[in-house]
Amino acid sequence: MSSSVTEDWYETLQISPNADADTIQRVFRLLAQKLHPDNQETGDSSRFRRLHEAYLVLSDPEKRAKYDVQHDGLRRERWRFAATPAPAENDFEQEQLLRCVALEILYNRRRTQPEKPAISHLDLAQLTGQPREHLEFTIWYLVQRKLVSRDDQSSLTISADGVDYVEQSQGVKSRRRLSAVG
């Protein structure tokens, strides 16, 4: 396998680890058509390359068997880590900080790449340094408060309310810094 074990090819193809060969091929063709760089509306060359690599691994029985062993070990390790409770005294503050960090990442993505403002759940996990399992509550909360929305691929995008929230919280931080200096 040319990619690291941390790449979740099942998530890339948006399929279950129990998917059969026909499902893998059908989903790949559908997504490949959508993400192919020649597609003017929805083409994305980097996502297409990852999609193709996922297909090469999961469509080959021998490569898939090797990958599944590593994937299963990684999945168990993530759930073991997710099951480890955070320190109770800082749990609320840590969650609030994680929400702010996630919103700031999505805010910056919207500002710097308005043509592609969405970030995948996996990318957000990597950018925050948190396992995806630890982000489930955070993302649920942000979606419920309508600060974030999901697109057709379940990628996350900050909403106008989310932008307002980030800018208001940054304004509060700036005023605190000014009052501390003055």
N, C-alpha and C. Protein backbone atom coordinates (compact mmCIF):
# COMPACT_ATOMS: atom_id res chain seq x y z
N MET A 1 0.84 -1.19 0.00
CA MET A 1 0.00 0.00 0.00
C MET A 1 0.87 1.23 0.00
N SER A 2 0.52 2.18 -0.84
CA SER A 2 1.35 3.36 -0.95
C SER A 2 1.01 4.43 0.06
N SER A 3 -0.13 4.34 0.71
CA SER A 3 -0.54 5.37 1.65
C SER A 3 -0.37 4.86 3.08
N SER A 4 -0.39 5.77 4.02
CA SER A 4 -0.25 5.38 5.41
C SER A 4 -1.52 4.68 5.89
N VAL A 5 -1.38 3.98 6.99
CA VAL A 5 -2.50 3.23 7.55
C VAL A 5 -3.59 4.16 8.05
N THR A 6 -3.27 5.40 8.33
CA THR A 6 -4.26 6.32 8.87
C THR A 6 -5.32 6.73 7.85
N GLU A 7 -5.06 6.51 6.57
CA GLU A 7 -6.06 6.84 5.54
C GLU A 7 -7.17 5.80 5.58
N ASP A 8 -8.38 6.26 5.76
CA ASP A 8 -9.53 5.35 5.81
C ASP A 8 -10.16 5.27 4.43
N TRP A 9 -9.77 4.22 3.69
CA TRP A 9 -10.26 4.07 2.32
C TRP A 9 -11.76 3.83 2.29
N TYR A 10 -12.31 3.23 3.31
CA TYR A 10 -13.77 3.01 3.34
C TYR A 10 -14.49 4.36 3.45
N GLU A 11 -13.94 5.25 4.25
CA GLU A 11 -14.54 6.57 4.38
C GLU A 11 -14.36 7.36 3.08
N THR A 12 -13.20 7.24 2.46
CA THR A 12 -12.94 7.92 1.20
C THR A 12 -13.97 7.51 0.14
N LEU A 13 -14.27 6.20 0.07
CA LEU A 13 -15.27 5.70 -0.89
C LEU A 13 -16.69 5.82 -0.35
N GLN A 14 -16.83 6.22 0.91
CA GLN A 14 -18.14 6.38 1.54
C GLN A 14 -18.93 5.08 1.54
N ILE A 15 -18.25 3.99 1.91
CA ILE A 15 -18.88 2.68 1.96
C ILE A 15 -18.58 2.01 3.29
N SER A 16 -19.33 0.97 3.57
CA SER A 16 -19.12 0.18 4.77
C SER A 16 -17.96 -0.79 4.54
N PRO A 17 -17.23 -1.14 5.59
CA PRO A 17 -16.20 -2.18 5.45
C PRO A 17 -16.78 -3.53 5.03
N ASN A 18 -18.08 -3.69 5.12
CA ASN A 18 -18.73 -4.93 4.70
C ASN A 18 -19.17 -4.91 3.25
N ALA A 19 -18.89 -3.83 2.51
CA ALA A 19 -19.35 -3.70 1.13
C ALA A 19 -18.75 -4.78 0.24
N ASP A 20 -19.57 -5.28 -0.68
CA ASP A 20 -19.08 -6.30 -1.61
C ASP A 20 -18.42 -5.63 -2.82
N ALA A 21 -17.80 -6.45 -3.67
CA ALA A 21 -17.04 -5.94 -4.81
C ALA A 21 -17.92 -5.12 -5.76
N ASP A 22 -19.16 -5.55 -5.99
CA ASP A 22 -20.05 -4.80 -6.88
C ASP A 22 -20.36 -3.42 -6.33
N THR A 23 -20.60 -3.34 -5.04
CA THR A 23 -20.88 -2.05 -4.40
C THR A 23 -19.67 -1.13 -4.51
N ILE A 24 -18.50 -1.67 -4.26
CA ILE A 24 -17.27 -0.88 -4.35
C ILE A 24 -17.13 -0.30 -5.75
N GLN A 25 -17.32 -1.14 -6.75
CA GLN A 25 -17.18 -0.67 -8.14
C GLN A 25 -18.25 0.37 -8.49
N ARG A 26 -19.48 0.13 -8.09
CA ARG A 26 -20.59 1.04 -8.40
C ARG A 26 -20.37 2.42 -7.74
N VAL A 27 -20.00 2.41 -6.46
CA VAL A 27 -19.78 3.67 -5.75
C VAL A 27 -18.57 4.40 -6.32
N PHE A 28 -17.51 3.65 -6.63
CA PHE A 28 -16.33 4.27 -7.22
C PHE A 28 -16.68 4.98 -8.52
N ARG A 29 -17.40 4.31 -9.40
CA ARG A 29 -17.76 4.92 -10.69
C ARG A 29 -18.58 6.19 -10.50
N LEU A 30 -19.52 6.13 -9.58
CA LEU A 30 -20.36 7.30 -9.32
C LEU A 30 -19.53 8.48 -8.81
N LEU A 31 -18.69 8.22 -7.81
CA LEU A 31 -17.86 9.29 -7.24
C LEU A 31 -16.77 9.75 -8.21
N ALA A 32 -16.21 8.81 -8.97
CA ALA A 32 -15.16 9.16 -9.93
C ALA A 32 -15.72 10.10 -11.00
N GLN A 33 -16.93 9.84 -11.44
CA GLN A 33 -17.55 10.71 -12.43
C GLN A 33 -17.73 12.12 -11.86
N LYS A 34 -18.10 12.19 -10.60
CA LYS A 34 -18.33 13.48 -9.96
C LYS A 34 -17.03 14.24 -9.68
N LEU A 35 -15.98 13.51 -9.25
CA LEU A 35 -14.74 14.15 -8.82
C LEU A 35 -13.67 14.24 -9.90
N HIS A 36 -13.90 13.62 -11.04
CA HIS A 36 -12.88 13.63 -12.10
C HIS A 36 -12.50 15.07 -12.45
N PRO A 37 -11.20 15.33 -12.60
CA PRO A 37 -10.76 16.70 -12.89
C PRO A 37 -11.38 17.30 -14.15
N ASP A 38 -11.84 16.47 -15.10
CA ASP A 38 -12.47 16.99 -16.31
C ASP A 38 -13.88 17.53 -16.05
N ASN A 39 -14.45 17.18 -14.90
CA ASN A 39 -15.79 17.67 -14.56
C ASN A 39 -15.65 19.12 -14.09
N GLN A 40 -16.14 20.04 -14.89
CA GLN A 40 -15.98 21.47 -14.61
C GLN A 40 -16.69 21.92 -13.33
N GLU A 41 -17.81 21.29 -13.01
CA GLU A 41 -18.61 21.74 -11.86
C GLU A 41 -18.13 21.18 -10.53
N THR A 42 -17.82 19.88 -10.49
CA THR A 42 -17.52 19.26 -9.20
C THR A 42 -16.17 18.53 -9.17
N GLY A 43 -15.35 18.72 -10.20
CA GLY A 43 -14.05 18.03 -10.26
C GLY A 43 -13.11 18.48 -9.15
N ASP A 44 -12.36 17.52 -8.63
CA ASP A 44 -11.39 17.79 -7.57
C ASP A 44 -10.27 16.78 -7.72
N SER A 45 -9.15 17.20 -8.27
CA SER A 45 -8.08 16.26 -8.62
C SER A 45 -7.49 15.55 -7.40
N SER A 46 -7.31 16.23 -6.28
CA SER A 46 -6.72 15.57 -5.11
C SER A 46 -7.67 14.53 -4.53
N ARG A 47 -8.96 14.88 -4.43
CA ARG A 47 -9.93 13.90 -3.93
C ARG A 47 -10.09 12.75 -4.92
N PHE A 48 -9.99 13.04 -6.21
CA PHE A 48 -10.08 11.99 -7.22
C PHE A 48 -8.91 11.02 -7.07
N ARG A 49 -7.70 11.54 -6.84
CA ARG A 49 -6.53 10.65 -6.65
C ARG A 49 -6.72 9.76 -5.43
N ARG A 50 -7.18 10.35 -4.32
CA ARG A 50 -7.42 9.53 -3.12
C ARG A 50 -8.50 8.49 -3.37
N LEU A 51 -9.55 8.89 -4.08
CA LEU A 51 -10.63 7.97 -4.42
C LEU A 51 -10.09 6.82 -5.26
N HIS A 52 -9.27 7.12 -6.25
CA HIS A 52 -8.70 6.09 -7.11
C HIS A 52 -7.80 5.15 -6.32
N GLU A 53 -6.99 5.71 -5.44
CA GLU A 53 -6.12 4.86 -4.62
C GLU A 53 -6.94 3.95 -3.70
N ALA A 54 -8.01 4.49 -3.13
CA ALA A 54 -8.91 3.68 -2.30
C ALA A 54 -9.50 2.54 -3.12
N TYR A 55 -9.92 2.85 -4.32
CA TYR A 55 -10.50 1.83 -5.20
C TYR A 55 -9.47 0.74 -5.53
N LEU A 56 -8.24 1.15 -5.84
CA LEU A 56 -7.19 0.16 -6.15
C LEU A 56 -6.94 -0.80 -5.00
N VAL A 57 -7.00 -0.29 -3.79
CA VAL A 57 -6.77 -1.14 -2.62
C VAL A 57 -7.99 -2.01 -2.35
N LEU A 58 -9.18 -1.42 -2.31
CA LEU A 58 -10.37 -2.16 -1.90
C LEU A 58 -10.94 -3.07 -2.98
N SER A 59 -10.59 -2.85 -4.24
CA SER A 59 -11.12 -3.72 -5.30
C SER A 59 -10.24 -4.94 -5.53
N ASP A 60 -9.04 -4.94 -4.99
CA ASP A 60 -8.13 -6.08 -5.12
C ASP A 60 -8.23 -6.92 -3.84
N PRO A 61 -8.72 -8.17 -3.93
CA PRO A 61 -8.95 -8.97 -2.71
C PRO A 61 -7.72 -9.11 -1.81
N GLU A 62 -6.54 -9.28 -2.41
CA GLU A 62 -5.33 -9.46 -1.61
C GLU A 62 -4.95 -8.16 -0.89
N LYS A 63 -4.97 -7.05 -1.62
CA LYS A 63 -4.65 -5.75 -1.00
C LYS A 63 -5.69 -5.39 0.05
N ARG A 64 -6.94 -5.70 -0.23
CA ARG A 64 -8.00 -5.37 0.72
C ARG A 64 -7.84 -6.17 2.01
N ALA A 65 -7.47 -7.44 1.89
CA ALA A 65 -7.28 -8.27 3.09
C ALA A 65 -6.16 -7.70 3.96
N LYS A 66 -5.06 -7.29 3.35
CA LYS A 66 -3.95 -6.70 4.11
C LYS A 66 -4.40 -5.38 4.74
N TYR A 67 -5.11 -4.57 3.97
CA TYR A 67 -5.59 -3.29 4.48
C TYR A 67 -6.56 -3.50 5.63
N ASP A 68 -7.46 -4.47 5.50
CA ASP A 68 -8.47 -4.70 6.54
C ASP A 68 -7.84 -5.05 7.89
N VAL A 69 -6.74 -5.77 7.86
CA VAL A 69 -6.06 -6.10 9.12
C VAL A 69 -5.57 -4.82 9.78
N GLN A 70 -4.95 -3.95 9.01
CA GLN A 70 -4.45 -2.68 9.55
C GLN A 70 -5.60 -1.75 9.93
N HIS A 71 -6.62 -1.71 9.10
CA HIS A 71 -7.78 -0.84 9.34
C HIS A 71 -8.49 -1.26 10.63
N ASP A 72 -8.64 -2.55 10.83
CA ASP A 72 -9.31 -3.04 12.03
C ASP A 72 -8.51 -2.70 13.28
N GLY A 73 -7.19 -2.85 13.21
CA GLY A 73 -6.35 -2.48 14.35
C GLY A 73 -6.43 -1.00 14.65
N LEU A 74 -6.42 -0.16 13.61
CA LEU A 74 -6.53 1.28 13.79
C LEU A 74 -7.89 1.64 14.38
N ARG A 75 -8.94 1.01 13.87
CA ARG A 75 -10.30 1.29 14.37
C ARG A 75 -10.41 0.92 15.85
N ARG A 76 -9.86 -0.23 16.24
CA ARG A 76 -9.89 -0.62 17.66
C ARG A 76 -9.11 0.35 18.52
N GLU A 77 -7.96 0.80 18.02
CA GLU A 77 -7.15 1.76 18.77
C GLU A 77 -7.89 3.09 18.95
N ARG A 78 -8.56 3.55 17.89
CA ARG A 78 -9.33 4.80 17.98
C ARG A 78 -10.44 4.67 19.01
N TRP A 79 -11.16 3.55 18.99
CA TRP A 79 -12.26 3.39 19.93
C TRP A 79 -11.74 3.24 21.36
N ARG A 80 -10.57 2.60 21.52
CA ARG A 80 -9.98 2.51 22.85
C ARG A 80 -9.65 3.91 23.35
N PHE A 81 -9.08 4.73 22.48
CA PHE A 81 -8.75 6.10 22.85
C PHE A 81 -10.01 6.91 23.11
N ALA A 82 -11.03 6.71 22.27
CA ALA A 82 -12.28 7.45 22.45
C ALA A 82 -12.99 7.07 23.74
N ALA A 83 -12.81 5.83 24.17
CA ALA A 83 -13.47 5.36 25.38
C ALA A 83 -12.76 5.86 26.65
N THR A 84 -11.52 6.35 26.49
CA THR A 84 -10.78 6.87 27.63
C THR A 84 -11.36 8.24 28.00
N PRO A 85 -11.88 8.37 29.20
CA PRO A 85 -12.50 9.64 29.55
C PRO A 85 -11.47 10.76 29.71
N ALA A 86 -11.89 11.96 29.35
CA ALA A 86 -11.06 13.14 29.55
C ALA A 86 -11.14 13.54 31.02
N PRO A 87 -10.17 14.31 31.51
CA PRO A 87 -10.24 14.76 32.89
C PRO A 87 -11.55 15.52 33.14
N ALA A 88 -12.28 15.12 34.16
CA ALA A 88 -13.61 15.66 34.42
C ALA A 88 -13.60 17.16 34.70
N GLU A 89 -12.55 17.66 35.37
CA GLU A 89 -12.54 19.06 35.75
C GLU A 89 -12.41 20.01 34.56
N ASN A 90 -11.83 19.56 33.46
CA ASN A 90 -11.63 20.42 32.30
C ASN A 90 -12.49 20.00 31.11
N ASP A 91 -13.36 19.05 31.27
CA ASP A 91 -14.12 18.49 30.16
C ASP A 91 -14.94 19.55 29.42
N PHE A 92 -15.66 20.39 30.13
CA PHE A 92 -16.49 21.41 29.49
C PHE A 92 -15.64 22.44 28.76
N GLU A 93 -14.58 22.89 29.42
CA GLU A 93 -13.70 23.88 28.79
C GLU A 93 -13.03 23.31 27.55
N GLN A 94 -12.62 22.05 27.61
CA GLN A 94 -11.98 21.42 26.46
C GLN A 94 -12.96 21.33 25.29
N GLU A 95 -14.20 20.97 25.58
CA GLU A 95 -15.21 20.88 24.52
C GLU A 95 -15.49 22.24 23.91
N GLN A 96 -15.61 23.27 24.74
CA GLN A 96 -15.85 24.62 24.22
C GLN A 96 -14.68 25.09 23.35
N LEU A 97 -13.46 24.80 23.78
CA LEU A 97 -12.28 25.17 23.01
C LEU A 97 -12.26 24.42 21.68
N LEU A 98 -12.60 23.14 21.70
CA LEU A 98 -12.63 22.34 20.48
C LEU A 98 -13.66 22.89 19.49
N ARG A 99 -14.82 23.31 20.00
CA ARG A 99 -15.84 23.93 19.13
C ARG A 99 -15.29 25.19 18.47
N CYS A 100 -14.64 26.03 19.27
CA CYS A 100 -14.08 27.27 18.74
C CYS A 100 -13.01 26.99 17.69
N VAL A 101 -12.15 26.03 17.96
CA VAL A 101 -11.09 25.68 17.01
C VAL A 101 -11.71 25.17 15.71
N ALA A 102 -12.70 24.29 15.81
CA ALA A 102 -13.36 23.76 14.61
C ALA A 102 -14.00 24.89 13.81
N LEU A 103 -14.69 25.78 14.49
CA LEU A 103 -15.32 26.90 13.79
C LEU A 103 -14.28 27.82 13.13
N GLU A 104 -13.18 28.06 13.81
CA GLU A 104 -12.14 28.92 13.23
C GLU A 104 -11.52 28.28 12.00
N ILE A 105 -11.33 26.97 12.03
CA ILE A 105 -10.81 26.25 10.86
C ILE A 105 -11.77 26.40 9.69
N LEU A 106 -13.05 26.17 9.96
CA LEU A 106 -14.07 26.26 8.90
C LEU A 106 -14.21 27.71 8.41
N TYR A 107 -14.09 28.67 9.31
CA TYR A 107 -14.15 30.09 8.95
C TYR A 107 -13.00 30.44 7.99
N ASN A 108 -11.80 30.02 8.37
CA ASN A 108 -10.64 30.32 7.53
C ASN A 108 -10.73 29.62 6.17
N ARG A 109 -11.25 28.41 6.17
CA ARG A 109 -11.42 27.70 4.90
C ARG A 109 -12.41 28.45 4.01
N ARG A 110 -13.52 28.92 4.58
CA ARG A 110 -14.54 29.65 3.81
C ARG A 110 -13.94 30.93 3.23
N ARG A 111 -13.13 31.63 4.03
CA ARG A 111 -12.53 32.89 3.57
C ARG A 111 -11.46 32.67 2.52
N THR A 112 -10.61 31.66 2.71
CA THR A 112 -9.46 31.48 1.82
C THR A 112 -9.78 30.65 0.58
N GLN A 113 -10.79 29.79 0.67
CA GLN A 113 -11.15 28.95 -0.47
C GLN A 113 -12.66 28.96 -0.67
N PRO A 114 -13.22 30.10 -1.04
CA PRO A 114 -14.68 30.19 -1.14
C PRO A 114 -15.28 29.26 -2.19
N GLU A 115 -14.47 28.84 -3.19
CA GLU A 115 -14.97 27.93 -4.20
C GLU A 115 -15.06 26.49 -3.67
N LYS A 116 -14.32 26.18 -2.61
CA LYS A 116 -14.34 24.86 -1.97
C LYS A 116 -14.32 25.04 -0.46
N PRO A 117 -15.42 25.52 0.12
CA PRO A 117 -15.41 25.87 1.54
C PRO A 117 -15.55 24.68 2.50
N ALA A 118 -15.87 23.50 1.98
CA ALA A 118 -16.14 22.36 2.85
C ALA A 118 -14.86 21.63 3.24
N ILE A 119 -14.89 21.06 4.44
CA ILE A 119 -13.80 20.24 4.95
C ILE A 119 -14.40 18.91 5.39
N SER A 120 -13.74 17.83 5.02
CA SER A 120 -14.25 16.51 5.41
C SER A 120 -14.06 16.31 6.92
N HIS A 121 -14.84 15.40 7.45
CA HIS A 121 -14.76 15.05 8.86
C HIS A 121 -13.33 14.59 9.18
N LEU A 122 -12.76 13.78 8.29
CA LEU A 122 -11.41 13.26 8.50
C LEU A 122 -10.37 14.40 8.51
N ASP A 123 -10.49 15.33 7.56
CA ASP A 123 -9.56 16.46 7.52
C ASP A 123 -9.69 17.33 8.77
N LEU A 124 -10.92 17.54 9.23
CA LEU A 124 -11.12 18.32 10.45
C LEU A 124 -10.48 17.62 11.65
N ALA A 125 -10.60 16.31 11.69
CA ALA A 125 -9.98 15.55 12.78
C ALA A 125 -8.46 15.73 12.75
N GLN A 126 -7.88 15.68 11.56
CA GLN A 126 -6.43 15.85 11.45
C GLN A 126 -6.01 17.27 11.82
N LEU A 127 -6.79 18.25 11.38
CA LEU A 127 -6.44 19.65 11.67
C LEU A 127 -6.58 20.01 13.15
N THR A 128 -7.53 19.39 13.83
CA THR A 128 -7.71 19.67 15.26
C THR A 128 -6.83 18.78 16.12
N GLY A 129 -6.29 17.72 15.53
CA GLY A 129 -5.48 16.77 16.30
C GLY A 129 -6.32 15.87 17.19
N GLN A 130 -7.59 15.73 16.86
CA GLN A 130 -8.52 14.90 17.64
C GLN A 130 -8.95 13.70 16.83
N PRO A 131 -9.14 12.55 17.46
CA PRO A 131 -9.71 11.41 16.73
C PRO A 131 -11.13 11.76 16.28
N ARG A 132 -11.52 11.22 15.15
CA ARG A 132 -12.86 11.51 14.63
C ARG A 132 -13.94 11.21 15.66
N GLU A 133 -13.74 10.16 16.43
CA GLU A 133 -14.74 9.77 17.43
C GLU A 133 -14.94 10.86 18.49
N HIS A 134 -13.88 11.62 18.78
CA HIS A 134 -13.99 12.69 19.77
C HIS A 134 -14.69 13.92 19.20
N LEU A 135 -14.76 14.01 17.89
CA LEU A 135 -15.41 15.15 17.25
C LEU A 135 -16.91 14.96 17.06
N GLU A 136 -17.41 13.75 17.25
CA GLU A 136 -18.83 13.48 16.99
C GLU A 136 -19.75 14.42 17.76
N PHE A 137 -19.53 14.57 19.05
CA PHE A 137 -20.37 15.45 19.87
C PHE A 137 -20.22 16.90 19.42
N THR A 138 -18.98 17.30 19.18
CA THR A 138 -18.70 18.67 18.76
C THR A 138 -19.44 19.01 17.47
N ILE A 139 -19.33 18.14 16.49
CA ILE A 139 -19.97 18.37 15.19
C ILE A 139 -21.49 18.33 15.35
N TRP A 140 -21.98 17.38 16.12
CA TRP A 140 -23.44 17.31 16.35
C TRP A 140 -23.94 18.64 16.91
N TYR A 141 -23.23 19.16 17.91
CA TYR A 141 -23.64 20.41 18.54
C TYR A 141 -23.62 21.57 17.54
N LEU A 142 -22.54 21.69 16.79
CA LEU A 142 -22.41 22.79 15.84
C LEU A 142 -23.48 22.72 14.74
N VAL A 143 -23.82 21.52 14.30
CA VAL A 143 -24.87 21.36 13.29
C VAL A 143 -26.22 21.71 13.89
N GLN A 144 -26.50 21.24 15.10
CA GLN A 144 -27.78 21.53 15.75
C GLN A 144 -27.97 23.02 15.99
N ARG A 145 -26.90 23.72 16.32
CA ARG A 145 -26.98 25.17 16.55
C ARG A 145 -26.97 25.95 15.23
N LYS A 146 -26.87 25.22 14.13
CA LYS A 146 -26.85 25.81 12.78
C LYS A 146 -25.64 26.72 12.56
N LEU A 147 -24.55 26.42 13.24
CA LEU A 147 -23.30 27.14 13.03
C LEU A 147 -22.50 26.49 11.90
N VAL A 148 -22.83 25.23 11.61
CA VAL A 148 -22.16 24.43 10.60
C VAL A 148 -23.22 23.63 9.87
N SER A 149 -22.98 23.35 8.59
CA SER A 149 -23.88 22.48 7.84
C SER A 149 -23.06 21.42 7.12
N ARG A 150 -23.75 20.38 6.68
CA ARG A 150 -23.11 19.29 5.93
C ARG A 150 -23.54 19.38 4.47
N ASP A 151 -22.60 19.06 3.56
CA ASP A 151 -22.96 19.03 2.15
C ASP A 151 -23.29 17.60 1.72
N ASP A 152 -23.41 17.37 0.42
CA ASP A 152 -23.80 16.05 -0.10
C ASP A 152 -22.82 14.94 0.28
N GLN A 153 -21.55 15.27 0.48
CA GLN A 153 -20.55 14.26 0.87
C GLN A 153 -20.32 14.24 2.38
N SER A 154 -21.19 14.88 3.12
CA SER A 154 -21.10 14.99 4.59
C SER A 154 -19.91 15.82 5.04
N SER A 155 -19.33 16.59 4.12
CA SER A 155 -18.27 17.51 4.51
C SER A 155 -18.91 18.70 5.23
N LEU A 156 -18.13 19.36 6.04
CA LEU A 156 -18.64 20.43 6.89
C LEU A 156 -18.31 21.80 6.32
N THR A 157 -19.27 22.72 6.42
CA THR A 157 -19.11 24.10 5.98
C THR A 157 -19.67 25.01 7.04
N ILE A 158 -18.97 26.10 7.31
CA ILE A 158 -19.48 27.06 8.28
C ILE A 158 -20.67 27.81 7.67
N SER A 159 -21.66 28.09 8.48
CA SER A 159 -22.84 28.84 8.03
C SER A 159 -22.63 30.33 8.32
N ALA A 160 -23.57 31.15 7.85
CA ALA A 160 -23.49 32.58 8.15
C ALA A 160 -23.58 32.82 9.66
N ASP A 161 -24.42 32.05 10.35
CA ASP A 161 -24.49 32.17 11.81
C ASP A 161 -23.16 31.81 12.45
N GLY A 162 -22.48 30.80 11.89
CA GLY A 162 -21.17 30.41 12.39
C GLY A 162 -20.13 31.50 12.20
N VAL A 163 -20.19 32.15 11.04
CA VAL A 163 -19.28 33.27 10.76
C VAL A 163 -19.52 34.38 11.78
N ASP A 164 -20.80 34.72 12.00
CA ASP A 164 -21.12 35.76 12.99
C ASP A 164 -20.59 35.38 14.37
N TYR A 165 -20.77 34.12 14.75
CA TYR A 165 -20.32 33.65 16.06
C TYR A 165 -18.80 33.81 16.20
N VAL A 166 -18.04 33.38 15.17
CA VAL A 166 -16.58 33.48 15.23
C VAL A 166 -16.16 34.95 15.32
N GLU A 167 -16.77 35.80 14.50
CA GLU A 167 -16.38 37.21 14.51
C GLU A 167 -16.75 37.89 15.82
N GLN A 168 -17.89 37.54 16.40
CA GLN A 168 -18.26 38.11 17.69
C GLN A 168 -17.31 37.64 18.79
N SER A 169 -16.96 36.36 18.78
CA SER A 169 -16.06 35.85 19.83
C SER A 169 -14.66 36.44 19.67
N GLN A 170 -14.22 36.68 18.43
CA GLN A 170 -12.92 37.32 18.21
C GLN A 170 -12.95 38.77 18.69
N GLY A 171 -14.10 39.43 18.49
CA GLY A 171 -14.25 40.80 18.97
C GLY A 171 -14.16 40.87 20.49
N VAL A 172 -14.75 39.90 21.17
CA VAL A 172 -14.69 39.85 22.64
C VAL A 172 -13.24 39.65 23.08
N LYS A 173 -12.50 38.75 22.40
CA LYS A 173 -11.10 38.50 22.75
C LYS A 173 -10.26 39.76 22.54
N SER A 174 -10.52 40.48 21.43
CA SER A 174 -9.76 41.70 21.14
C SER A 174 -10.02 42.76 22.21
N ARG A 175 -11.29 42.91 22.61
CA ARG A 175 -11.62 43.90 23.65
C ARG A 175 -10.95 43.53 24.97
N ARG A 176 -10.88 42.23 25.29
CA ARG A 176 -10.22 41.81 26.53
C ARG A 176 -8.74 42.15 26.49
N ARG A 177 -8.11 41.90 25.33
CA ARG A 177 -6.68 42.20 25.20
C ARG A 177 -6.43 43.71 25.33
N LEU A 178 -7.28 44.52 24.71
CA LEU A 178 -7.12 45.98 24.80
C LEU A 178 -7.31 46.48 26.22
N SER A 179 -8.29 45.93 26.93
CA SER A 179 -8.51 46.37 28.31
C SER A 179 -7.40 45.91 29.23
N ALA A 180 -6.76 44.79 28.92
CA ALA A 180 -5.64 44.31 29.73
C ALA A 180 -4.40 45.18 29.51
N VAL A 181 -4.26 45.68 28.29
CA VAL A 181 -3.10 46.53 27.97
C VAL A 181 -3.29 47.93 28.56
N GLY A 182 -4.52 48.45 28.45
CA GLY A 182 -4.80 49.83 28.86
C GLY A 182 -5.10 49.92 30.29
